[in-house]
Amino acid sequence: MRNLLLIIGVFVSIGMVADGHKSSEKSAKERFADHPNHLMDFKECKEMKDGIGGLLALSDGIWKEIEANPENEEKWLEVSLIAELAANYSEVYDVFCKDMIAQRMKMRMMAEKKKHKHHNKEE
C-alpha cells in the first residue's frame, strides 16, 4: 500500500510541475490557432514519450517483485495501475504526436536529399 501511495504522490507532483510552464510560452489556445492539427508541440511530445518509458521501466521492476512473491496482491494492483497509465498516455501520444513527429522526420529527410542533390550539382 505504501508503494501505491508513493506512485500516486509521484504523479501528483509531476502534475504540479507540469503546471509551472513559463508564462512566455504560447497558451494552448494560441498554439491551437497556429496549428489546428497539433494540440502539443514537439517538446511536449518528447516529454510524454520519456514519461511513457519511465512508466514501463517502473512496471518492469514491479514485475520482478511479483515474480519473487506472486501472492502479493498490492503489487498486482500497482502494476495494473501503472500499465493502464502507460496505455492511456501511449494512446494520447499516438493520436497527437506520432503523425507530427513522422512529418517532421520526413521533412528533414527531404531537406537532406535536397542538400545532397545541390552539393552534387556543384561538383
Protein backbone atom coordinates (compact mmCIF):
# COMPACT_ATOMS: atom_id res chain seq x y z
CA MET A 1 0.00 0.00 0.00
CA ARG A 2 2.92 2.29 0.77
CA ASN A 3 4.25 1.87 -2.77
CA LEU A 4 0.84 2.71 -4.23
CA LEU A 5 0.76 5.93 -2.22
CA LEU A 6 4.30 6.69 -3.39
CA ILE A 7 3.29 6.22 -7.04
CA ILE A 8 0.22 8.41 -6.64
CA GLY A 9 2.38 11.05 -4.94
CA VAL A 10 4.84 10.98 -7.85
CA PHE A 11 2.09 11.53 -10.40
CA VAL A 12 0.55 14.35 -8.40
CA SER A 13 3.94 16.06 -8.14
CA ILE A 14 4.51 15.59 -11.88
CA GLY A 15 1.18 17.28 -12.49
CA MET A 16 2.17 20.20 -10.29
CA VAL A 17 5.48 20.58 -12.12
CA ALA A 18 3.67 20.47 -15.46
CA ASP A 19 1.57 23.44 -14.35
CA GLY A 20 4.71 25.53 -13.86
CA HIS A 21 5.43 26.28 -17.52
CA LYS A 22 6.90 29.66 -18.37
CA SER A 23 4.35 32.38 -18.95
CA SER A 24 6.22 33.46 -22.09
CA GLU A 25 5.17 30.27 -23.84
CA LYS A 26 2.14 30.47 -26.05
CA SER A 27 -1.08 29.37 -24.47
CA ALA A 28 -2.75 26.22 -25.74
CA LYS A 29 -5.36 28.37 -27.48
CA GLU A 30 -2.67 30.35 -29.37
CA ARG A 31 -0.84 27.16 -30.40
CA PHE A 32 -4.10 25.61 -31.49
CA ALA A 33 -4.81 28.68 -33.63
CA ASP A 34 -1.35 28.44 -35.26
CA HIS A 35 -1.57 24.72 -35.98
CA PRO A 36 -5.13 23.40 -35.85
CA ASN A 37 -3.97 19.78 -36.20
CA HIS A 38 -1.45 19.92 -33.34
CA LEU A 39 -2.53 20.09 -29.73
CA MET A 40 1.02 19.68 -28.37
CA ASP A 41 4.39 20.82 -29.61
CA PHE A 42 7.46 18.66 -30.25
CA LYS A 43 8.93 19.26 -26.78
CA GLU A 44 5.73 18.20 -25.03
CA CYS A 45 5.54 15.08 -27.18
CA LYS A 46 9.12 14.18 -26.30
CA GLU A 47 8.38 14.65 -22.60
CA MET A 48 5.33 12.42 -22.92
CA LYS A 49 7.37 9.75 -24.73
CA ASP A 50 10.01 9.87 -21.98
CA GLY A 51 7.28 9.60 -19.33
CA ILE A 52 5.82 6.53 -21.01
CA GLY A 53 9.28 4.95 -21.00
CA GLY A 54 9.60 5.74 -17.30
CA LEU A 55 6.26 4.11 -16.54
CA LEU A 56 7.26 1.00 -18.46
CA ALA A 57 10.59 0.82 -16.63
CA LEU A 58 8.78 1.20 -13.32
CA SER A 59 6.35 -1.59 -14.17
CA ASP A 60 9.28 -3.84 -15.16
CA GLY A 61 10.71 -3.50 -11.65
CA ILE A 62 7.36 -4.33 -10.11
CA TRP A 63 7.05 -7.41 -12.33
CA LYS A 64 10.34 -8.67 -10.93
CA GLU A 65 8.96 -8.22 -7.41
CA ILE A 66 5.81 -10.13 -8.42
CA GLU A 67 7.92 -12.99 -9.79
CA ALA A 68 9.65 -13.21 -6.41
CA ASN A 69 6.35 -13.11 -4.48
CA PRO A 70 3.31 -13.82 -6.71
CA GLU A 71 0.92 -13.80 -3.74
CA ASN A 72 1.38 -10.05 -3.08
CA GLU A 73 -1.92 -8.57 -4.24
CA GLU A 74 -0.74 -4.98 -3.71
CA LYS A 75 1.99 -5.46 -6.33
CA TRP A 76 -0.55 -6.85 -8.79
CA LEU A 77 -2.75 -3.79 -8.24
CA GLU A 78 0.26 -1.49 -8.54
CA VAL A 79 1.46 -2.99 -11.82
CA SER A 80 -2.05 -2.93 -13.29
CA LEU A 81 -2.45 0.78 -12.45
CA ILE A 82 0.93 1.64 -13.97
CA ALA A 83 0.20 -0.43 -17.08
CA GLU A 84 -3.12 1.37 -17.51
CA LEU A 85 -1.44 4.76 -17.14
CA ALA A 86 1.20 3.82 -19.71
CA ALA A 87 -1.50 2.60 -22.10
CA ASN A 88 -3.52 5.80 -21.73
CA TYR A 89 -0.51 8.04 -22.28
CA SER A 90 0.55 5.89 -25.24
CA GLU A 91 -2.86 6.41 -26.82
CA VAL A 92 -2.61 10.19 -26.37
CA TYR A 93 0.91 10.11 -27.85
CA ASP A 94 -0.28 8.05 -30.79
CA VAL A 95 -3.16 10.43 -31.54
CA PHE A 96 -1.44 13.79 -31.06
CA CYS A 97 2.29 13.22 -31.57
CA LYS A 98 3.05 10.29 -33.83
CA ASP A 99 1.99 11.90 -37.13
CA MET A 100 3.61 15.23 -36.24
CA ILE A 101 6.94 13.58 -35.49
CA ALA A 102 6.74 11.41 -38.63
CA GLN A 103 6.05 14.52 -40.73
CA ARG A 104 8.98 16.32 -39.11
CA MET A 105 11.31 13.41 -39.88
CA LYS A 106 10.03 13.28 -43.46
CA MET A 107 10.76 16.99 -43.90
CA ARG A 108 14.29 16.51 -42.52
CA MET A 109 14.93 13.64 -44.94
CA MET A 110 13.67 15.73 -47.87
CA ALA A 111 15.92 18.62 -46.82
CA GLU A 112 18.92 16.26 -46.63
CA LYS A 113 18.15 14.92 -50.12
CA LYS A 114 17.84 18.45 -51.48
CA LYS A 115 21.09 19.45 -49.80
CA HIS A 116 22.84 16.35 -51.16
CA LYS A 117 21.45 16.97 -54.67
CA HIS A 118 22.59 20.61 -54.54
CA HIS A 119 26.03 19.52 -53.34
CA ASN A 120 26.36 17.02 -56.22
CA LYS A 121 25.43 19.69 -58.81
CA GLU A 122 28.23 21.94 -57.56
CA GLU A 123 30.81 19.20 -58.15
